[in-house]
Amino acid sequence: MRIIAGEYRGRTISAPKGDATRPTTDRVRESLMSMIQSAAGFEDARVLDAFAGSGALGIEALSRGACSVQFYERAPVALRTIQKNLATLGIDTRQARVQKGDVLSNAQSLYGIFDIVFLDPPYAYDAEQIIGFLSELYQGQKLASDAVCVYEHDAKDDQSVDNSLASSPFELLKRKRFGDTMVDLIVIKDDSHDGEER
């Protein structure tokens, strides 16, 4: 895989071996990043890469101007890959924090407040779990008021996502399909809370 744009543009990073992770394709990653750029931008953003895999999404955000990324991953092989990729690019721990564990069980222990959240979970996780996790972040005041959350999921799960959003503090800003994959851009509803300004 290659970094698409920014400081590390063209640099190669590794993907975890085996089929335990499902790396975002370059085409989807490029479009996903364009969606974020249009909605909020990356400059000085604080990012959570919640199901980090190779770390490609978080690293792409750093390349484009994010000030920090918290990578969360539970698979040992993927964790080693993230650390290898960060070392290869010379990204230090002041910008990148790698944590091991199930992020869904650790919403309240995450450090800081996030402007961008990447959610690319295994398809075994359902929309209710993922939107529930976002709601925990919201309730714990771990999301900036203008936070942008990107949820990559099976295209067949659209209705489930919509139903989960309806009873949450979030709303769908944009949705784009890539074959069997759907990318949703999710933001906090205007009337949800005053939140922290970036």
C-alpha atoms as a PDB file:
ATOM      1  CA  MET A   1       0.000   0.000   0.000  1.00  0.00           C
ATOM      2  CA  ARG A   2       1.093   3.568  -0.642  1.00  0.00           C
ATOM      3  CA  ILE A   3       0.242   6.823   1.117  1.00  0.00           C
ATOM      4  CA  ILE A   4      -1.897   8.804  -1.300  1.00  0.00           C
ATOM      5  CA  ALA A   5      -1.236  12.457  -0.401  1.00  0.00           C
ATOM      6  CA  GLY A   6       0.583  14.840   1.889  1.00  0.00           C
ATOM      7  CA  GLU A   7       3.949  14.673   3.640  1.00  0.00           C
ATOM      8  CA  TYR A   8       4.375  10.913   3.136  1.00  0.00           C
ATOM      9  CA  ARG A   9       2.861  10.774  -0.342  1.00  0.00           C
ATOM     10  CA  GLY A  10       4.117   7.797  -2.343  1.00  0.00           C
ATOM     11  CA  ARG A  11       5.730   6.104   0.661  1.00  0.00           C
ATOM     12  CA  THR A  12       5.000   2.394   0.995  1.00  0.00           C
ATOM     13  CA  ILE A  13       3.501   0.829   4.112  1.00  0.00           C
ATOM     14  CA  SER A  14       2.829  -2.810   4.962  1.00  0.00           C
ATOM     15  CA  ALA A  15      -0.461  -4.615   5.489  1.00  0.00           C
ATOM     16  CA  PRO A  16      -0.859  -7.339   8.134  1.00  0.00           C
ATOM     17  CA  LYS A  17      -0.390 -10.853   6.780  1.00  0.00           C
ATOM     18  CA  GLY A  18      -3.330 -13.247   6.790  1.00  0.00           C
ATOM     19  CA  ASP A  19      -7.062 -12.642   6.493  1.00  0.00           C
ATOM     20  CA  ALA A  20      -7.733 -11.363  10.020  1.00  0.00           C
ATOM     21  CA  THR A  21      -7.787  -7.773   8.761  1.00  0.00           C
ATOM     22  CA  ARG A  22      -9.475  -6.210   5.729  1.00  0.00           C
ATOM     23  CA  PRO A  23      -7.368  -3.260   4.535  1.00  0.00           C
ATOM     24  CA  THR A  24      -9.231  -0.364   2.952  1.00  0.00           C
ATOM     25  CA  THR A  25      -8.450  -0.300  -0.766  1.00  0.00           C
ATOM     26  CA  ASP A  26      -6.555   2.676  -2.191  1.00  0.00           C
ATOM     27  CA  ARG A  27      -9.625   3.762  -4.167  1.00  0.00           C
ATOM     28  CA  VAL A  28     -11.883   3.755  -1.121  1.00  0.00           C
ATOM     29  CA  ARG A  29      -9.202   5.377   1.057  1.00  0.00           C
ATOM     30  CA  GLU A  30      -8.702   8.214  -1.440  1.00  0.00           C
ATOM     31  CA  SER A  31     -12.429   8.906  -1.695  1.00  0.00           C
ATOM     32  CA  LEU A  32     -12.887   8.641   2.067  1.00  0.00           C
ATOM     33  CA  MET A  33     -10.114  11.185   2.650  1.00  0.00           C
ATOM     34  CA  SER A  34     -11.675  13.539   0.082  1.00  0.00           C
ATOM     35  CA  MET A  35     -14.983  13.316   1.940  1.00  0.00           C
ATOM     36  CA  ILE A  36     -13.286  14.338   5.183  1.00  0.00           C
ATOM     37  CA  GLN A  37     -11.333  17.108   3.478  1.00  0.00           C
ATOM     38  CA  SER A  38     -14.567  18.577   2.125  1.00  0.00           C
ATOM     39  CA  ALA A  39     -16.380  18.286   5.467  1.00  0.00           C
ATOM     40  CA  ALA A  40     -13.717  19.367   7.945  1.00  0.00           C
ATOM     41  CA  GLY A  41     -10.109  19.103   6.757  1.00  0.00           C
ATOM     42  CA  PHE A  42      -7.151  17.516   8.519  1.00  0.00           C
ATOM     43  CA  GLU A  43      -5.090  20.478   9.724  1.00  0.00           C
ATOM     44  CA  ASP A  44      -4.228  19.996  13.434  1.00  0.00           C
ATOM     45  CA  ALA A  45      -6.936  17.341  13.788  1.00  0.00           C
ATOM     46  CA  ARG A  46      -6.853  14.852  16.646  1.00  0.00           C
ATOM     47  CA  VAL A  47      -7.697  11.441  15.227  1.00  0.00           C
ATOM     48  CA  LEU A  48      -8.885   8.077  16.539  1.00  0.00           C
ATOM     49  CA  ASP A  49      -8.209   5.106  14.250  1.00  0.00           C
ATOM     50  CA  ALA A  50     -10.472   2.728  16.162  1.00  0.00           C
ATOM     51  CA  PHE A  51      -9.909  -0.538  14.247  1.00  0.00           C
ATOM     52  CA  ALA A  52      -6.504   0.384  12.945  1.00  0.00           C
ATOM     53  CA  GLY A  53      -5.369  -2.748  11.066  1.00  0.00           C
ATOM     54  CA  SER A  54      -2.271  -1.551   9.184  1.00  0.00           C
ATOM     55  CA  GLY A  55      -2.725   2.001  10.480  1.00  0.00           C
ATOM     56  CA  ALA A  56      -3.181   3.258   6.909  1.00  0.00           C
ATOM     57  CA  LEU A  57      -6.127   5.565   7.657  1.00  0.00           C
ATOM     58  CA  GLY A  58      -4.473   7.202  10.642  1.00  0.00           C
ATOM     59  CA  ILE A  59      -1.138   7.531   8.850  1.00  0.00           C
ATOM     60  CA  GLU A  60      -2.881   9.081   5.844  1.00  0.00           C
ATOM     61  CA  ALA A  61      -4.448  11.633   8.205  1.00  0.00           C
ATOM     62  CA  LEU A  62      -1.035  12.460   9.712  1.00  0.00           C
ATOM     63  CA  SER A  63       0.380  12.833   6.219  1.00  0.00           C
ATOM     64  CA  ARG A  64      -2.352  15.367   5.439  1.00  0.00           C
ATOM     65  CA  GLY A  65      -1.799  17.537   8.519  1.00  0.00           C
ATOM     66  CA  ALA A  66      -3.403  15.868  11.536  1.00  0.00           C
ATOM     67  CA  CYS A  67      -1.493  16.646  14.728  1.00  0.00           C
ATOM     68  CA  SER A  68      -2.024  13.290  16.464  1.00  0.00           C
ATOM     69  CA  VAL A  69      -3.516   9.838  15.967  1.00  0.00           C
ATOM     70  CA  GLN A  70      -4.493   7.243  18.530  1.00  0.00           C
ATOM     71  CA  PHE A  71      -4.353   3.787  16.917  1.00  0.00           C
ATOM     72  CA  TYR A  72      -6.420   1.059  18.571  1.00  0.00           C
ATOM     73  CA  GLU A  73      -6.066  -2.578  17.537  1.00  0.00           C
ATOM     74  CA  ARG A  74      -6.420  -5.933  19.278  1.00  0.00           C
ATOM     75  CA  ALA A  75      -4.696  -8.297  16.798  1.00  0.00           C
ATOM     76  CA  PRO A  76      -0.986  -8.789  17.656  1.00  0.00           C
ATOM     77  CA  VAL A  77       0.079  -9.122  14.001  1.00  0.00           C
ATOM     78  CA  ALA A  78      -1.685  -5.877  13.089  1.00  0.00           C
ATOM     79  CA  LEU A  79      -0.194  -4.090  16.101  1.00  0.00           C
ATOM     80  CA  ARG A  80       3.295  -5.044  14.999  1.00  0.00           C
ATOM     81  CA  THR A  81       2.494  -3.855  11.473  1.00  0.00           C
ATOM     82  CA  ILE A  82       1.334  -0.446  12.738  1.00  0.00           C
ATOM     83  CA  GLN A  83       4.495  -0.040  14.790  1.00  0.00           C
ATOM     84  CA  LYS A  84       6.635  -1.081  11.808  1.00  0.00           C
ATOM     85  CA  ASN A  85       4.861   1.383   9.504  1.00  0.00           C
ATOM     86  CA  LEU A  86       5.240   4.254  11.967  1.00  0.00           C
ATOM     87  CA  ALA A  87       8.941   3.465  12.396  1.00  0.00           C
ATOM     88  CA  THR A  88       9.486   3.226   8.637  1.00  0.00           C
ATOM     89  CA  LEU A  89       7.999   6.700   8.161  1.00  0.00           C
ATOM     90  CA  GLY A  90       9.808   8.180  11.166  1.00  0.00           C
ATOM     91  CA  ILE A  91       6.592   9.082  13.012  1.00  0.00           C
ATOM     92  CA  ASP A  92       7.269   9.369  16.735  1.00  0.00           C
ATOM     93  CA  THR A  93       5.139   8.758  19.824  1.00  0.00           C
ATOM     94  CA  ARG A  94       4.292  12.452  20.225  1.00  0.00           C
ATOM     95  CA  GLN A  95       2.140  12.122  17.107  1.00  0.00           C
ATOM     96  CA  ALA A  96       1.118   8.475  17.227  1.00  0.00           C
ATOM     97  CA  ARG A  97      -0.075   6.451  20.194  1.00  0.00           C
ATOM     98  CA  VAL A  98      -0.646   2.721  19.643  1.00  0.00           C
ATOM     99  CA  GLN A  99      -2.929   0.869  22.054  1.00  0.00           C
ATOM    100  CA  LYS A 100      -3.808  -2.815  22.245  1.00  0.00           C
ATOM    101  CA  GLY A 101      -7.293  -4.045  23.060  1.00  0.00           C
ATOM    102  CA  ASP A 102     -10.947  -4.081  22.084  1.00  0.00           C
ATOM    103  CA  VAL A 103     -11.770  -0.424  21.487  1.00  0.00           C
ATOM    104  CA  LEU A 104     -15.502  -1.048  21.990  1.00  0.00           C
ATOM    105  CA  SER A 105     -14.819  -1.975  25.614  1.00  0.00           C
ATOM    106  CA  ASN A 106     -12.584   1.020  26.247  1.00  0.00           C
ATOM    107  CA  ALA A 107     -14.505   4.093  25.089  1.00  0.00           C
ATOM    108  CA  GLN A 108     -14.180   5.851  28.439  1.00  0.00           C
ATOM    109  CA  SER A 109     -10.454   5.128  28.815  1.00  0.00           C
ATOM    110  CA  LEU A 110      -9.429   6.674  25.495  1.00  0.00           C
ATOM    111  CA  TYR A 111      -7.141   9.651  25.913  1.00  0.00           C
ATOM    112  CA  GLY A 112      -8.100  13.108  24.639  1.00  0.00           C
ATOM    113  CA  ILE A 113     -10.811  14.624  22.480  1.00  0.00           C
ATOM    114  CA  PHE A 114     -11.153  13.644  18.843  1.00  0.00           C
ATOM    115  CA  ASP A 115     -11.931  15.675  15.729  1.00  0.00           C
ATOM    116  CA  ILE A 116     -11.915  12.680  13.362  1.00  0.00           C
ATOM    117  CA  VAL A 117     -12.847   9.061  14.119  1.00  0.00           C
ATOM    118  CA  PHE A 118     -12.135   6.240  11.659  1.00  0.00           C
ATOM    119  CA  LEU A 119     -14.366   3.184  12.079  1.00  0.00           C
ATOM    120  CA  ASP A 120     -13.439   0.286   9.806  1.00  0.00           C
ATOM    121  CA  PRO A 121     -14.473  -2.695  11.951  1.00  0.00           C
ATOM    122  CA  PRO A 122     -14.672  -6.336  10.906  1.00  0.00           C
ATOM    123  CA  TYR A 123     -18.061  -6.956   9.320  1.00  0.00           C
ATOM    124  CA  ALA A 124     -18.932  -9.216  12.285  1.00  0.00           C
ATOM    125  CA  TYR A 125     -19.610  -6.050  14.300  1.00  0.00           C
ATOM    126  CA  ASP A 126     -23.090  -4.682  13.720  1.00  0.00           C
ATOM    127  CA  ALA A 127     -24.185  -1.071  13.326  1.00  0.00           C
ATOM    128  CA  GLU A 128     -25.794  -0.952  16.763  1.00  0.00           C
ATOM    129  CA  GLN A 129     -22.435  -1.775  18.382  1.00  0.00           C
ATOM    130  CA  ILE A 130     -20.546   0.828  16.352  1.00  0.00           C
ATOM    131  CA  ILE A 131     -23.055   3.663  16.776  1.00  0.00           C
ATOM    132  CA  GLY A 132     -23.310   2.670  20.450  1.00  0.00           C
ATOM    133  CA  PHE A 133     -19.541   3.107  20.740  1.00  0.00           C
ATOM    134  CA  LEU A 134     -19.762   6.551  19.139  1.00  0.00           C
ATOM    135  CA  SER A 135     -22.538   7.445  21.585  1.00  0.00           C
ATOM    136  CA  GLU A 136     -20.272   6.431  24.477  1.00  0.00           C
ATOM    137  CA  LEU A 137     -17.560   8.728  23.127  1.00  0.00           C
ATOM    138  CA  TYR A 138     -20.127  11.500  22.868  1.00  0.00           C
ATOM    139  CA  GLN A 139     -21.461  10.954  26.384  1.00  0.00           C
ATOM    140  CA  GLY A 140     -17.896  10.906  27.707  1.00  0.00           C
ATOM    141  CA  GLN A 141     -17.197  14.252  25.998  1.00  0.00           C
ATOM    142  CA  LYS A 142     -14.463  12.707  23.896  1.00  0.00           C
ATOM    143  CA  LEU A 143     -15.693  14.176  20.609  1.00  0.00           C
ATOM    144  CA  ALA A 144     -15.217  17.776  19.472  1.00  0.00           C
ATOM    145  CA  SER A 145     -18.507  19.489  18.647  1.00  0.00           C
ATOM    146  CA  ASP A 146     -17.641  19.423  14.931  1.00  0.00           C
ATOM    147  CA  ALA A 147     -16.208  15.898  14.942  1.00  0.00           C
ATOM    148  CA  VAL A 148     -16.421  13.856  11.748  1.00  0.00           C
ATOM    149  CA  CYS A 149     -16.803  10.079  12.062  1.00  0.00           C
ATOM    150  CA  VAL A 150     -16.197   7.800   9.093  1.00  0.00           C
ATOM    151  CA  TYR A 151     -17.872   4.394   9.222  1.00  0.00           C
ATOM    152  CA  GLU A 152     -16.937   1.781   6.623  1.00  0.00           C
ATOM    153  CA  HIS A 153     -19.379  -1.140   6.498  1.00  0.00           C
ATOM    154  CA  ASP A 154     -21.087  -3.761   4.365  1.00  0.00           C
ATOM    155  CA  ALA A 155     -23.432  -2.070   1.902  1.00  0.00           C
ATOM    156  CA  LYS A 156     -26.206  -4.467   2.956  1.00  0.00           C
ATOM    157  CA  ASP A 157     -26.225  -2.859   6.437  1.00  0.00           C
ATOM    158  CA  ASP A 158     -27.540   0.558   5.360  1.00  0.00           C
ATOM    159  CA  GLN A 159     -30.931   0.180   7.011  1.00  0.00           C
ATOM    160  CA  SER A 160     -29.381  -1.042  10.248  1.00  0.00           C
ATOM    161  CA  VAL A 161     -27.055   1.961  10.301  1.00  0.00           C
ATOM    162  CA  ASP A 162     -29.944   4.343   9.625  1.00  0.00           C
ATOM    163  CA  ASN A 163     -32.019   2.785  12.412  1.00  0.00           C
ATOM    164  CA  SER A 164     -29.123   3.024  14.883  1.00  0.00           C
ATOM    165  CA  LEU A 165     -28.472   6.662  13.966  1.00  0.00           C
ATOM    166  CA  ALA A 166     -32.138   7.593  14.449  1.00  0.00           C
ATOM    167  CA  SER A 167     -31.931   6.999  18.209  1.00  0.00           C
ATOM    168  CA  SER A 168     -28.430   8.460  18.619  1.00  0.00           C
ATOM    169  CA  PRO A 169     -26.919  11.954  18.927  1.00  0.00           C
ATOM    170  CA  PHE A 170     -25.604  11.588  15.349  1.00  0.00           C
ATOM    171  CA  GLU A 171     -26.797  12.059  11.806  1.00  0.00           C
ATOM    172  CA  LEU A 172     -25.631  10.928   8.388  1.00  0.00           C
ATOM    173  CA  LEU A 173     -23.895  13.707   6.457  1.00  0.00           C
ATOM    174  CA  LYS A 174     -22.875  11.732   3.378  1.00  0.00           C
ATOM    175  CA  ARG A 175     -22.917   8.155   2.077  1.00  0.00           C
ATOM    176  CA  LYS A 176     -20.931   6.671  -0.791  1.00  0.00           C
ATOM    177  CA  ARG A 177     -20.899   3.129  -2.152  1.00  0.00           C
ATOM    178  CA  PHE A 178     -17.918   1.194  -3.519  1.00  0.00           C
ATOM    179  CA  GLY A 179     -19.139  -2.219  -4.670  1.00  0.00           C
ATOM    180  CA  ASP A 180     -20.012  -4.169  -1.515  1.00  0.00           C
ATOM    181  CA  THR A 181     -18.541  -1.472   0.742  1.00  0.00           C
ATOM    182  CA  MET A 182     -20.348   1.620   2.004  1.00  0.00           C
ATOM    183  CA  VAL A 183     -18.653   4.647   3.547  1.00  0.00           C
ATOM    184  CA  ASP A 184     -20.757   6.846   5.829  1.00  0.00           C
ATOM    185  CA  LEU A 185     -19.753  10.288   7.031  1.00  0.00           C
ATOM    186  CA  ILE A 186     -21.409  10.812  10.416  1.00  0.00           C
ATOM    187  CA  VAL A 187     -21.568  14.035  12.448  1.00  0.00           C
ATOM    188  CA  ILE A 188     -23.118  15.178  15.717  1.00  0.00           C
ATOM    189  CA  LYS A 189     -26.625  16.599  15.358  1.00  0.00           C
ATOM    190  CA  ASP A 190     -26.645  20.387  15.655  1.00  0.00           C
ATOM    191  CA  ASP A 191     -28.908  20.368  18.703  1.00  0.00           C
ATOM    192  CA  SER A 192     -27.065  17.613  20.613  1.00  0.00           C
ATOM    193  CA  HIS A 193     -24.641  19.625  22.752  1.00  0.00           C
ATOM    194  CA  ASP A 194     -22.485  22.705  22.827  1.00  0.00           C
ATOM    195  CA  GLY A 195     -19.262  20.626  22.934  1.00  0.00           C
ATOM    196  CA  GLU A 196     -15.692  21.801  22.581  1.00  0.00           C
ATOM    197  CA  GLU A 197     -14.790  24.069  19.708  1.00  0.00           C
ATOM    198  CA  ARG A 198     -11.656  23.302  17.730  1.00  0.00           C
END
